[in-house]
Amino acid sequence: MLTARLYMLQRLSALIMVPLVLGHLALMIYAIGGGLTADEILDRTQGSMGWFIYYGLFVLAAAVHGAIGLRSVTTEWFDFFRSPDQRQTVNLLMASFFFALFIPGILAVYFVTRS
């Protein structure tokens, strides 16, 4: 049952990331094409709750998607995660991986968007 829920959560995170990635790429092309410098971009993002929500959701979706994907690959490649203790170990490792992605990502978003 856990595997089915994780499968659906990973697909949901992918659905969330697709428009965010496309939007991010479009914004970067626009900013670079418009001649904006990094300082000018930061001036526009600082103090913006909208950018915090946009990129915060992006970071959350990417961390969820990455951790679940790595869990799937790990359990497929290393077929020895069969006992409940071994599955619990891999789940804890992947939860740690999620936080290793999420915490620096959300901190970066915070520092780029804080006023």
PDB file of N, CA and C in Angstrom:
ATOM      1  N   MET A   1       0.813  -1.197   0.000  1.00  0.00           N
ATOM      2  CA  MET A   1       0.000   0.000   0.000  1.00  0.00           C
ATOM      3  C   MET A   1       0.859   1.266   0.000  1.00  0.00           C
ATOM      4  N   LEU A   2       1.954   1.223   0.758  1.00  0.00           N
ATOM      5  CA  LEU A   2       2.852   2.382   0.799  1.00  0.00           C
ATOM      6  C   LEU A   2       3.426   2.655  -0.586  1.00  0.00           C
ATOM      7  N   THR A   3       3.800   1.598  -1.297  1.00  0.00           N
ATOM      8  CA  THR A   3       4.385   1.765  -2.626  1.00  0.00           C
ATOM      9  C   THR A   3       3.405   2.443  -3.579  1.00  0.00           C
ATOM     10  N   ALA A   4       2.141   2.072  -3.517  1.00  0.00           N
ATOM     11  CA  ALA A   4       1.129   2.687  -4.391  1.00  0.00           C
ATOM     12  C   ALA A   4       0.949   4.169  -4.053  1.00  0.00           C
ATOM     13  N   ARG A   5       0.947   4.487  -2.773  1.00  0.00           N
ATOM     14  CA  ARG A   5       0.808   5.899  -2.379  1.00  0.00           C
ATOM     15  C   ARG A   5       2.021   6.717  -2.809  1.00  0.00           C
ATOM     16  N   LEU A   6       3.209   6.132  -2.646  1.00  0.00           N
ATOM     17  CA  LEU A   6       4.422   6.833  -3.076  1.00  0.00           C
ATOM     18  C   LEU A   6       4.436   7.014  -4.590  1.00  0.00           C
ATOM     19  N   TYR A   7       3.971   6.010  -5.315  1.00  0.00           N
ATOM     20  CA  TYR A   7       3.871   6.101  -6.775  1.00  0.00           C
ATOM     21  C   TYR A   7       2.985   7.284  -7.163  1.00  0.00           C
ATOM     22  N   MET A   8       1.825   7.373  -6.543  1.00  0.00           N
ATOM     23  CA  MET A   8       0.900   8.458  -6.856  1.00  0.00           C
ATOM     24  C   MET A   8       1.474   9.818  -6.434  1.00  0.00           C
ATOM     25  N   LEU A   9       2.144   9.860  -5.289  1.00  0.00           N
ATOM     26  CA  LEU A   9       2.750  11.113  -4.820  1.00  0.00           C
ATOM     27  C   LEU A   9       3.860  11.563  -5.765  1.00  0.00           C
ATOM     28  N   GLN A  10       4.628  10.617  -6.283  1.00  0.00           N
ATOM     29  CA  GLN A  10       5.677  10.998  -7.220  1.00  0.00           C
ATOM     30  C   GLN A  10       5.074  11.531  -8.521  1.00  0.00           C
ATOM     31  N   ARG A  11       4.000  10.917  -8.980  1.00  0.00           N
ATOM     32  CA  ARG A  11       3.346  11.412 -10.202  1.00  0.00           C
ATOM     33  C   ARG A  11       2.741  12.794  -9.966  1.00  0.00           C
ATOM     34  N   LEU A  12       2.167  13.006  -8.802  1.00  0.00           N
ATOM     35  CA  LEU A  12       1.613  14.313  -8.464  1.00  0.00           C
ATOM     36  C   LEU A  12       2.719  15.370  -8.418  1.00  0.00           C
ATOM     37  N   SER A  13       3.853  15.018  -7.819  1.00  0.00           N
ATOM     38  CA  SER A  13       4.964  15.979  -7.764  1.00  0.00           C
ATOM     39  C   SER A  13       5.465  16.298  -9.173  1.00  0.00           C
ATOM     40  N   ALA A  14       5.455  15.317 -10.065  1.00  0.00           N
ATOM     41  CA  ALA A  14       5.856  15.572 -11.455  1.00  0.00           C
ATOM     42  C   ALA A  14       4.873  16.520 -12.130  1.00  0.00           C
ATOM     43  N   LEU A  15       3.575  16.312 -11.891  1.00  0.00           N
ATOM     44  CA  LEU A  15       2.564  17.197 -12.475  1.00  0.00           C
ATOM     45  C   LEU A  15       2.718  18.630 -11.972  1.00  0.00           C
ATOM     46  N   ILE A  16       3.111  18.771 -10.727  1.00  0.00           N
ATOM     47  CA  ILE A  16       3.326  20.110 -10.164  1.00  0.00           C
ATOM     48  C   ILE A  16       4.590  20.735 -10.756  1.00  0.00           C
ATOM     49  N   MET A  17       5.627  19.916 -10.934  1.00  0.00           N
ATOM     50  CA  MET A  17       6.901  20.458 -11.409  1.00  0.00           C
ATOM     51  C   MET A  17       6.884  20.878 -12.868  1.00  0.00           C
ATOM     52  N   VAL A  18       6.102  20.222 -13.714  1.00  0.00           N
ATOM     53  CA  VAL A  18       6.129  20.534 -15.149  1.00  0.00           C
ATOM     54  C   VAL A  18       5.853  22.017 -15.416  1.00  0.00           C
ATOM     55  N   PRO A  19       4.742  22.579 -14.940  1.00  0.00           N
ATOM     56  CA  PRO A  19       4.532  24.007 -15.225  1.00  0.00           C
ATOM     57  C   PRO A  19       5.541  24.906 -14.506  1.00  0.00           C
ATOM     58  N   LEU A  20       6.017  24.475 -13.344  1.00  0.00           N
ATOM     59  CA  LEU A  20       7.002  25.285 -12.627  1.00  0.00           C
ATOM     60  C   LEU A  20       8.333  25.322 -13.375  1.00  0.00           C
ATOM     61  N   VAL A  21       8.754  24.185 -13.920  1.00  0.00           N
ATOM     62  CA  VAL A  21       9.997  24.138 -14.697  1.00  0.00           C
ATOM     63  C   VAL A  21       9.857  24.986 -15.956  1.00  0.00           C
ATOM     64  N   LEU A  22       8.744  24.815 -16.658  1.00  0.00           N
ATOM     65  CA  LEU A  22       8.531  25.595 -17.875  1.00  0.00           C
ATOM     66  C   LEU A  22       8.486  27.090 -17.574  1.00  0.00           C
ATOM     67  N   GLY A  23       7.808  27.454 -16.495  1.00  0.00           N
ATOM     68  CA  GLY A  23       7.762  28.858 -16.090  1.00  0.00           C
ATOM     69  C   GLY A  23       9.137  29.381 -15.724  1.00  0.00           C
ATOM     70  N   HIS A  24       9.894  28.588 -15.001  1.00  0.00           N
ATOM     71  CA  HIS A  24      11.245  28.988 -14.608  1.00  0.00           C
ATOM     72  C   HIS A  24      12.118  29.207 -15.842  1.00  0.00           C
ATOM     73  N   LEU A  25      12.069  28.261 -16.781  1.00  0.00           N
ATOM     74  CA  LEU A  25      12.865  28.402 -18.000  1.00  0.00           C
ATOM     75  C   LEU A  25      12.447  29.645 -18.794  1.00  0.00           C
ATOM     76  N   ALA A  26      11.151  29.866 -18.909  1.00  0.00           N
ATOM     77  CA  ALA A  26      10.659  31.041 -19.633  1.00  0.00           C
ATOM     78  C   ALA A  26      11.123  32.328 -18.950  1.00  0.00           C
ATOM     79  N   LEU A  27      11.056  32.351 -17.630  1.00  0.00           N
ATOM     80  CA  LEU A  27      11.499  33.541 -16.894  1.00  0.00           C
ATOM     81  C   LEU A  27      12.994  33.789 -17.060  1.00  0.00           C
ATOM     82  N   MET A  28      13.780  32.719 -17.044  1.00  0.00           N
ATOM     83  CA  MET A  28      15.225  32.877 -17.200  1.00  0.00           C
ATOM     84  C   MET A  28      15.562  33.371 -18.611  1.00  0.00           C
ATOM     85  N   ILE A  29      14.888  32.828 -19.617  1.00  0.00           N
ATOM     86  CA  ILE A  29      15.125  33.282 -20.990  1.00  0.00           C
ATOM     87  C   ILE A  29      14.730  34.751 -21.130  1.00  0.00           C
ATOM     88  N   TYR A  30      13.592  35.107 -20.557  1.00  0.00           N
ATOM     89  CA  TYR A  30      13.135  36.500 -20.595  1.00  0.00           C
ATOM     90  C   TYR A  30      14.119  37.425 -19.886  1.00  0.00           C
ATOM     91  N   ALA A  31      14.561  37.018 -18.701  1.00  0.00           N
ATOM     92  CA  ALA A  31      15.456  37.871 -17.907  1.00  0.00           C
ATOM     93  C   ALA A  31      16.792  38.056 -18.606  1.00  0.00           C
ATOM     94  N   ILE A  32      17.344  36.983 -19.128  1.00  0.00           N
ATOM     95  CA  ILE A  32      18.645  37.083 -19.795  1.00  0.00           C
ATOM     96  C   ILE A  32      18.507  37.847 -21.109  1.00  0.00           C
ATOM     97  N   GLY A  33      17.425  37.560 -21.848  1.00  0.00           N
ATOM     98  CA  GLY A  33      17.191  38.265 -23.110  1.00  0.00           C
ATOM     99  C   GLY A  33      16.937  39.745 -22.908  1.00  0.00           C
ATOM    100  N   GLY A  34      16.349  40.076 -21.764  1.00  0.00           N
ATOM    101  CA  GLY A  34      16.084  41.479 -21.453  1.00  0.00           C
ATOM    102  C   GLY A  34      17.282  42.201 -20.881  1.00  0.00           C
ATOM    103  N   GLY A  35      18.373  41.479 -20.698  1.00  0.00           N
ATOM    104  CA  GLY A  35      19.596  42.108 -20.210  1.00  0.00           C
ATOM    105  C   GLY A  35      19.624  42.350 -18.709  1.00  0.00           C
ATOM    106  N   LEU A  36      18.758  41.666 -17.954  1.00  0.00           N
ATOM    107  CA  LEU A  36      18.755  41.852 -16.498  1.00  0.00           C
ATOM    108  C   LEU A  36      20.003  41.225 -15.880  1.00  0.00           C
ATOM    109  N   THR A  37      20.571  41.906 -14.921  1.00  0.00           N
ATOM    110  CA  THR A  37      21.704  41.357 -14.183  1.00  0.00           C
ATOM    111  C   THR A  37      21.184  40.566 -12.988  1.00  0.00           C
ATOM    112  N   ALA A  38      22.077  39.827 -12.362  1.00  0.00           N
ATOM    113  CA  ALA A  38      21.695  39.066 -11.172  1.00  0.00           C
ATOM    114  C   ALA A  38      21.205  39.999 -10.067  1.00  0.00           C
ATOM    115  N   ASP A  39      21.839  41.138  -9.919  1.00  0.00           N
ATOM    116  CA  ASP A  39      21.413  42.114  -8.906  1.00  0.00           C
ATOM    117  C   ASP A  39      20.002  42.626  -9.187  1.00  0.00           C
ATOM    118  N   GLU A  40      19.714  42.893 -10.446  1.00  0.00           N
ATOM    119  CA  GLU A  40      18.375  43.373 -10.805  1.00  0.00           C
ATOM    120  C   GLU A  40      17.313  42.298 -10.573  1.00  0.00           C
ATOM    121  N   ILE A  41      17.669  41.065 -10.863  1.00  0.00           N
ATOM    122  CA  ILE A  41      16.726  39.961 -10.620  1.00  0.00           C
ATOM    123  C   ILE A  41      16.463  39.827  -9.129  1.00  0.00           C
ATOM    124  N   LEU A  42      17.528  39.886  -8.322  1.00  0.00           N
ATOM    125  CA  LEU A  42      17.354  39.793  -6.866  1.00  0.00           C
ATOM    126  C   LEU A  42      16.534  40.957  -6.327  1.00  0.00           C
ATOM    127  N   ASP A  43      16.727  42.137  -6.877  1.00  0.00           N
ATOM    128  CA  ASP A  43      15.916  43.290  -6.453  1.00  0.00           C
ATOM    129  C   ASP A  43      14.433  43.036  -6.690  1.00  0.00           C
ATOM    130  N   ARG A  44      14.112  42.354  -7.772  1.00  0.00           N
ATOM    131  CA  ARG A  44      12.711  42.080  -8.097  1.00  0.00           C
ATOM    132  C   ARG A  44      12.109  40.955  -7.254  1.00  0.00           C
ATOM    133  N   THR A  45      12.944  40.041  -6.779  1.00  0.00           N
ATOM    134  CA  THR A  45      12.408  38.914  -6.003  1.00  0.00           C
ATOM    135  C   THR A  45      12.342  39.207  -4.507  1.00  0.00           C
ATOM    136  N   GLN A  46      13.161  40.111  -4.019  1.00  0.00           N
ATOM    137  CA  GLN A  46      13.204  40.360  -2.583  1.00  0.00           C
ATOM    138  C   GLN A  46      11.901  40.970  -2.090  1.00  0.00           C
ATOM    139  N   GLY A  47      11.403  40.384  -1.004  1.00  0.00           N
ATOM    140  CA  GLY A  47      10.157  40.857  -0.410  1.00  0.00           C
ATOM    141  C   GLY A  47       8.910  40.350  -1.103  1.00  0.00           C
ATOM    142  N   SER A  48       9.062  39.419  -2.021  1.00  0.00           N
ATOM    143  CA  SER A  48       7.922  38.932  -2.797  1.00  0.00           C
ATOM    144  C   SER A  48       7.416  37.596  -2.251  1.00  0.00           C
ATOM    145  N   MET A  49       6.211  37.610  -1.696  1.00  0.00           N
ATOM    146  CA  MET A  49       5.599  36.378  -1.218  1.00  0.00           C
ATOM    147  C   MET A  49       5.259  35.461  -2.397  1.00  0.00           C
ATOM    148  N   GLY A  50       4.915  36.049  -3.537  1.00  0.00           N
ATOM    149  CA  GLY A  50       4.592  35.262  -4.729  1.00  0.00           C
ATOM    150  C   GLY A  50       5.761  34.410  -5.188  1.00  0.00           C
ATOM    151  N   TRP A  51       6.952  35.025  -5.251  1.00  0.00           N
ATOM    152  CA  TRP A  51       8.132  34.255  -5.654  1.00  0.00           C
ATOM    153  C   TRP A  51       8.490  33.220  -4.603  1.00  0.00           C
ATOM    154  N   PHE A  52       8.288  33.544  -3.336  1.00  0.00           N
ATOM    155  CA  PHE A  52       8.560  32.565  -2.280  1.00  0.00           C
ATOM    156  C   PHE A  52       7.648  31.344  -2.435  1.00  0.00           C
ATOM    157  N   ILE A  53       6.372  31.572  -2.683  1.00  0.00           N
ATOM    158  CA  ILE A  53       5.427  30.457  -2.858  1.00  0.00           C
ATOM    159  C   ILE A  53       5.783  29.667  -4.116  1.00  0.00           C
ATOM    160  N   TYR A  54       6.054  30.371  -5.211  1.00  0.00           N
ATOM    161  CA  TYR A  54       6.382  29.705  -6.479  1.00  0.00           C
ATOM    162  C   TYR A  54       7.595  28.791  -6.318  1.00  0.00           C
ATOM    163  N   TYR A  55       8.700  29.352  -5.870  1.00  0.00           N
ATOM    164  CA  TYR A  55       9.922  28.561  -5.761  1.00  0.00           C
ATOM    165  C   TYR A  55       9.910  27.637  -4.548  1.00  0.00           C
ATOM    166  N   GLY A  56       9.175  27.984  -3.507  1.00  0.00           N
ATOM    167  CA  GLY A  56       9.024  27.068  -2.377  1.00  0.00           C
ATOM    168  C   GLY A  56       8.289  25.811  -2.787  1.00  0.00           C
ATOM    169  N   LEU A  57       7.233  25.961  -3.566  1.00  0.00           N
ATOM    170  CA  LEU A  57       6.503  24.806  -4.086  1.00  0.00           C
ATOM    171  C   LEU A  57       7.386  23.992  -5.029  1.00  0.00           C
ATOM    172  N   PHE A  58       8.184  24.687  -5.810  1.00  0.00           N
ATOM    173  CA  PHE A  58       9.123  24.032  -6.720  1.00  0.00           C
ATOM    174  C   PHE A  58      10.104  23.166  -5.918  1.00  0.00           C
ATOM    175  N   VAL A  59      10.686  23.724  -4.885  1.00  0.00           N
ATOM    176  CA  VAL A  59      11.647  22.991  -4.047  1.00  0.00           C
ATOM    177  C   VAL A  59      10.973  21.794  -3.380  1.00  0.00           C
ATOM    178  N   LEU A  60       9.781  21.994  -2.839  1.00  0.00           N
ATOM    179  CA  LEU A  60       9.062  20.893  -2.188  1.00  0.00           C
ATOM    180  C   LEU A  60       8.776  19.768  -3.176  1.00  0.00           C
ATOM    181  N   ALA A  61       8.264  20.110  -4.343  1.00  0.00           N
ATOM    182  CA  ALA A  61       7.939  19.093  -5.344  1.00  0.00           C
ATOM    183  C   ALA A  61       9.192  18.354  -5.807  1.00  0.00           C
ATOM    184  N   ALA A  62      10.279  19.078  -6.014  1.00  0.00           N
ATOM    185  CA  ALA A  62      11.524  18.449  -6.464  1.00  0.00           C
ATOM    186  C   ALA A  62      12.099  17.520  -5.394  1.00  0.00           C
ATOM    187  N   ALA A  63      12.044  17.938  -4.138  1.00  0.00           N
ATOM    188  CA  ALA A  63      12.567  17.104  -3.058  1.00  0.00           C
ATOM    189  C   ALA A  63      11.730  15.832  -2.898  1.00  0.00           C
ATOM    190  N   VAL A  64      10.416  15.964  -2.959  1.00  0.00           N
ATOM    191  CA  VAL A  64       9.532  14.790  -2.866  1.00  0.00           C
ATOM    192  C   VAL A  64       9.802  13.860  -4.045  1.00  0.00           C
ATOM    193  N   HIS A  65       9.821  14.410  -5.244  1.00  0.00           N
ATOM    194  CA  HIS A  65      10.006  13.618  -6.454  1.00  0.00           C
ATOM    195  C   HIS A  65      11.360  12.890  -6.436  1.00  0.00           C
ATOM    196  N   GLY A  66      12.405  13.605  -6.065  1.00  0.00           N
ATOM    197  CA  GLY A  66      13.742  13.011  -6.032  1.00  0.00           C
ATOM    198  C   GLY A  66      13.884  11.916  -4.995  1.00  0.00           C
ATOM    199  N   ALA A  67      13.364  12.145  -3.797  1.00  0.00           N
ATOM    200  CA  ALA A  67      13.492  11.155  -2.729  1.00  0.00           C
ATOM    201  C   ALA A  67      12.710   9.883  -3.060  1.00  0.00           C
ATOM    202  N   ILE A  68      11.510  10.031  -3.585  1.00  0.00           N
ATOM    203  CA  ILE A  68      10.719   8.850  -3.938  1.00  0.00           C
ATOM    204  C   ILE A  68      11.365   8.103  -5.100  1.00  0.00           C
ATOM    205  N   GLY A  69      11.863   8.843  -6.082  1.00  0.00           N
ATOM    206  CA  GLY A  69      12.533   8.198  -7.210  1.00  0.00           C
ATOM    207  C   GLY A  69      13.776   7.442  -6.773  1.00  0.00           C
ATOM    208  N   LEU A  70      14.580   8.044  -5.906  1.00  0.00           N
ATOM    209  CA  LEU A  70      15.775   7.364  -5.411  1.00  0.00           C
ATOM    210  C   LEU A  70      15.402   6.139  -4.593  1.00  0.00           C
ATOM    211  N   ARG A  71      14.314   6.220  -3.828  1.00  0.00           N
ATOM    212  CA  ARG A  71      13.852   5.061  -3.062  1.00  0.00           C
ATOM    213  C   ARG A  71      13.475   3.925  -4.005  1.00  0.00           C
ATOM    214  N   SER A  72      12.779   4.253  -5.073  1.00  0.00           N
ATOM    215  CA  SER A  72      12.369   3.229  -6.044  1.00  0.00           C
ATOM    216  C   SER A  72      13.572   2.572  -6.707  1.00  0.00           C
ATOM    217  N   VAL A  73      14.518   3.387  -7.138  1.00  0.00           N
ATOM    218  CA  VAL A  73      15.713   2.844  -7.782  1.00  0.00           C
ATOM    219  C   VAL A  73      16.513   1.998  -6.800  1.00  0.00           C
ATOM    220  N   THR A  74      16.656   2.478  -5.578  1.00  0.00           N
ATOM    221  CA  THR A  74      17.418   1.745  -4.566  1.00  0.00           C
ATOM    222  C   THR A  74      16.803   0.386  -4.279  1.00  0.00           C
ATOM    223  N   THR A  75      15.506   0.342  -4.113  1.00  0.00           N
ATOM    224  CA  THR A  75      14.869  -0.944  -3.805  1.00  0.00           C
ATOM    225  C   THR A  75      14.876  -1.890  -5.009  1.00  0.00           C
ATOM    226  N   GLU A  76      14.889  -1.345  -6.222  1.00  0.00           N
ATOM    227  CA  GLU A  76      14.988  -2.211  -7.409  1.00  0.00           C
ATOM    228  C   GLU A  76      16.395  -2.750  -7.587  1.00  0.00           C
ATOM    229  N   TRP A  77      17.379  -1.886  -7.470  1.00  0.00           N
ATOM    230  CA  TRP A  77      18.756  -2.305  -7.691  1.00  0.00           C
ATOM    231  C   TRP A  77      19.263  -3.241  -6.600  1.00  0.00           C
ATOM    232  N   PHE A  78      18.902  -2.929  -5.373  1.00  0.00           N
ATOM    233  CA  PHE A  78      19.355  -3.725  -4.239  1.00  0.00           C
ATOM    234  C   PHE A  78      18.176  -4.537  -3.740  1.00  0.00           C
ATOM    235  N   ASP A  79      17.990  -5.669  -4.333  1.00  0.00           N
ATOM    236  CA  ASP A  79      16.817  -6.499  -4.091  1.00  0.00           C
ATOM    237  C   ASP A  79      16.799  -7.092  -2.681  1.00  0.00           C
ATOM    238  N   PHE A  80      17.793  -6.770  -1.866  1.00  0.00           N
ATOM    239  CA  PHE A  80      17.857  -7.358  -0.540  1.00  0.00           C
ATOM    240  C   PHE A  80      17.053  -6.589   0.499  1.00  0.00           C
ATOM    241  N   PHE A  81      16.355  -5.534   0.126  1.00  0.00           N
ATOM    242  CA  PHE A  81      15.512  -4.793   1.067  1.00  0.00           C
ATOM    243  C   PHE A  81      14.156  -5.487   1.184  1.00  0.00           C
ATOM    244  N   ARG A  82      14.153  -6.668   1.699  1.00  0.00           N
ATOM    245  CA  ARG A  82      12.924  -7.440   1.768  1.00  0.00           C
ATOM    246  C   ARG A  82      12.332  -7.507   3.172  1.00  0.00           C
ATOM    247  N   SER A  83      13.171  -7.536   4.180  1.00  0.00           N
ATOM    248  CA  SER A  83      12.639  -7.631   5.538  1.00  0.00           C
ATOM    249  C   SER A  83      12.113  -6.262   5.970  1.00  0.00           C
ATOM    250  N   PRO A  84      11.178  -6.245   6.922  1.00  0.00           N
ATOM    251  CA  PRO A  84      10.639  -4.961   7.399  1.00  0.00           C
ATOM    252  C   PRO A  84      11.717  -4.020   7.937  1.00  0.00           C
ATOM    253  N   ASP A  85      12.727  -4.579   8.610  1.00  0.00           N
ATOM    254  CA  ASP A  85      13.799  -3.729   9.135  1.00  0.00           C
ATOM    255  C   ASP A  85      14.593  -3.086   8.005  1.00  0.00           C
ATOM    256  N   GLN A  86      14.859  -3.843   6.950  1.00  0.00           N
ATOM    257  CA  GLN A  86      15.605  -3.300   5.825  1.00  0.00           C
ATOM    258  C   GLN A  86      14.788  -2.247   5.078  1.00  0.00           C
ATOM    259  N   ARG A  87      13.490  -2.494   4.938  1.00  0.00           N
ATOM    260  CA  ARG A  87      12.636  -1.497   4.286  1.00  0.00           C
ATOM    261  C   ARG A  87      12.564  -0.229   5.134  1.00  0.00           C
ATOM    262  N   GLN A  88      12.495  -0.396   6.438  1.00  0.00           N
ATOM    263  CA  GLN A  88      12.467   0.772   7.329  1.00  0.00           C
ATOM    264  C   GLN A  88      13.766   1.571   7.203  1.00  0.00           C
ATOM    265  N   THR A  89      14.886   0.865   7.067  1.00  0.00           N
ATOM    266  CA  THR A  89      16.171   1.537   6.905  1.00  0.00           C
ATOM    267  C   THR A  89      16.200   2.361   5.625  1.00  0.00           C
ATOM    268  N   VAL A  90      15.751   1.770   4.524  1.00  0.00           N
ATOM    269  CA  VAL A  90      15.759   2.512   3.262  1.00  0.00           C
ATOM    270  C   VAL A  90      14.773   3.679   3.315  1.00  0.00           C
ATOM    271  N   ASN A  91      13.651   3.499   3.997  1.00  0.00           N
ATOM    272  CA  ASN A  91      12.698   4.605   4.146  1.00  0.00           C
ATOM    273  C   ASN A  91      13.310   5.757   4.940  1.00  0.00           C
ATOM    274  N   LEU A  92      14.031   5.439   5.998  1.00  0.00           N
ATOM    275  CA  LEU A  92      14.689   6.477   6.789  1.00  0.00           C
ATOM    276  C   LEU A  92      15.787   7.183   5.996  1.00  0.00           C
ATOM    277  N   LEU A  93      16.536   6.409   5.207  1.00  0.00           N
ATOM    278  CA  LEU A  93      17.564   7.021   4.357  1.00  0.00           C
ATOM    279  C   LEU A  93      16.948   7.966   3.336  1.00  0.00           C
ATOM    280  N   MET A  94      15.840   7.575   2.765  1.00  0.00           N
ATOM    281  CA  MET A  94      15.199   8.424   1.756  1.00  0.00           C
ATOM    282  C   MET A  94      14.531   9.645   2.398  1.00  0.00           C
ATOM    283  N   ALA A  95      14.035   9.489   3.606  1.00  0.00           N
ATOM    284  CA  ALA A  95      13.509  10.652   4.328  1.00  0.00           C
ATOM    285  C   ALA A  95      14.653  11.632   4.603  1.00  0.00           C
ATOM    286  N   SER A  96      15.813  11.099   4.954  1.00  0.00           N
ATOM    287  CA  SER A  96      16.988  11.952   5.159  1.00  0.00           C
ATOM    288  C   SER A  96      17.390  12.644   3.866  1.00  0.00           C
ATOM    289  N   PHE A  97      17.303  11.916   2.755  1.00  0.00           N
ATOM    290  CA  PHE A  97      17.620  12.498   1.450  1.00  0.00           C
ATOM    291  C   PHE A  97      16.638  13.621   1.115  1.00  0.00           C
ATOM    292  N   PHE A  98      15.348  13.406   1.429  1.00  0.00           N
ATOM    293  CA  PHE A  98      14.350  14.452   1.211  1.00  0.00           C
ATOM    294  C   PHE A  98      14.759  15.728   1.952  1.00  0.00           C
ATOM    295  N   PHE A  99      15.091  15.589   3.236  1.00  0.00           N
ATOM    296  CA  PHE A  99      15.458  16.768   4.015  1.00  0.00           C
ATOM    297  C   PHE A  99      16.777  17.373   3.541  1.00  0.00           C
ATOM    298  N   ALA A 100      17.698  16.540   3.040  1.00  0.00           N
ATOM    299  CA  ALA A 100      18.960  17.054   2.497  1.00  0.00           C
ATOM    300  C   ALA A 100      18.724  17.889   1.248  1.00  0.00           C
ATOM    301  N   LEU A 101      17.655  17.609   0.514  1.00  0.00           N
ATOM    302  CA  LEU A 101      17.292  18.422  -0.645  1.00  0.00           C
ATOM    303  C   LEU A 101      16.440  19.622  -0.245  1.00  0.00           C
ATOM    304  N   PHE A 102      15.468  19.379   0.622  1.00  0.00           N
ATOM    305  CA  PHE A 102      14.474  20.398   0.939  1.00  0.00           C
ATOM    306  C   PHE A 102      15.055  21.550   1.760  1.00  0.00           C
ATOM    307  N   ILE A 103      15.805  21.255   2.794  1.00  0.00           N
ATOM    308  CA  ILE A 103      16.281  22.304   3.703  1.00  0.00           C
ATOM    309  C   ILE A 103      17.178  23.319   2.990  1.00  0.00           C
ATOM    310  N   PRO A 104      18.223  22.894   2.275  1.00  0.00           N
ATOM    311  CA  PRO A 104      19.016  23.919   1.571  1.00  0.00           C
ATOM    312  C   PRO A 104      18.212  24.646   0.488  1.00  0.00           C
ATOM    313  N   GLY A 105      17.307  23.924  -0.166  1.00  0.00           N
ATOM    314  CA  GLY A 105      16.495  24.549  -1.208  1.00  0.00           C
ATOM    315  C   GLY A 105      15.584  25.623  -0.661  1.00  0.00           C
ATOM    316  N   ILE A 106      14.885  25.321   0.430  1.00  0.00           N
ATOM    317  CA  ILE A 106      13.951  26.304   0.988  1.00  0.00           C
ATOM    318  C   ILE A 106      14.712  27.467   1.626  1.00  0.00           C
ATOM    319  N   LEU A 107      15.892  27.189   2.157  1.00  0.00           N
ATOM    320  CA  LEU A 107      16.731  28.280   2.683  1.00  0.00           C
ATOM    321  C   LEU A 107      17.170  29.206   1.556  1.00  0.00           C
ATOM    322  N   ALA A 108      17.542  28.642   0.418  1.00  0.00           N
ATOM    323  CA  ALA A 108      17.931  29.459  -0.734  1.00  0.00           C
ATOM    324  C   ALA A 108      16.750  30.320  -1.180  1.00  0.00           C
ATOM    325  N   VAL A 109      15.560  29.729  -1.236  1.00  0.00           N
ATOM    326  CA  VAL A 109      14.368  30.493  -1.629  1.00  0.00           C
ATOM    327  C   VAL A 109      14.117  31.606  -0.627  1.00  0.00           C
ATOM    328  N   TYR A 110      14.233  31.282   0.649  1.00  0.00           N
ATOM    329  CA  TYR A 110      14.019  32.295   1.696  1.00  0.00           C
ATOM    330  C   TYR A 110      14.976  33.477   1.526  1.00  0.00           C
ATOM    331  N   PHE A 111      16.265  33.177   1.351  1.00  0.00           N
ATOM    332  CA  PHE A 111      17.250  34.259   1.271  1.00  0.00           C
ATOM    333  C   PHE A 111      17.144  35.058  -0.021  1.00  0.00           C
ATOM    334  N   VAL A 112      16.632  34.461  -1.072  1.00  0.00           N
ATOM    335  CA  VAL A 112      16.451  35.204  -2.325  1.00  0.00           C
ATOM    336  C   VAL A 112      15.214  36.090  -2.253  1.00  0.00           C
ATOM    337  N   THR A 113      14.195  35.663  -1.491  1.00  0.00           N
ATOM    338  CA  THR A 113      12.938  36.411  -1.478  1.00  0.00           C
ATOM    339  C   THR A 113      12.708  37.241  -0.231  1.00  0.00           C
ATOM    340  N   ARG A 114      13.571  37.117   0.766  1.00  0.00           N
ATOM    341  CA  ARG A 114      13.332  37.905   1.985  1.00  0.00           C
ATOM    342  C   ARG A 114      13.547  39.378   1.700  1.00  0.00           C
ATOM    343  N   SER A 115      12.912  40.199   2.512  1.00  0.00           N
ATOM    344  CA  SER A 115      13.049  41.654   2.278  1.00  0.00           C
ATOM    345  C   SER A 115      14.160  42.238   3.106  1.00  0.00           C
TER     346      SER A 115
END
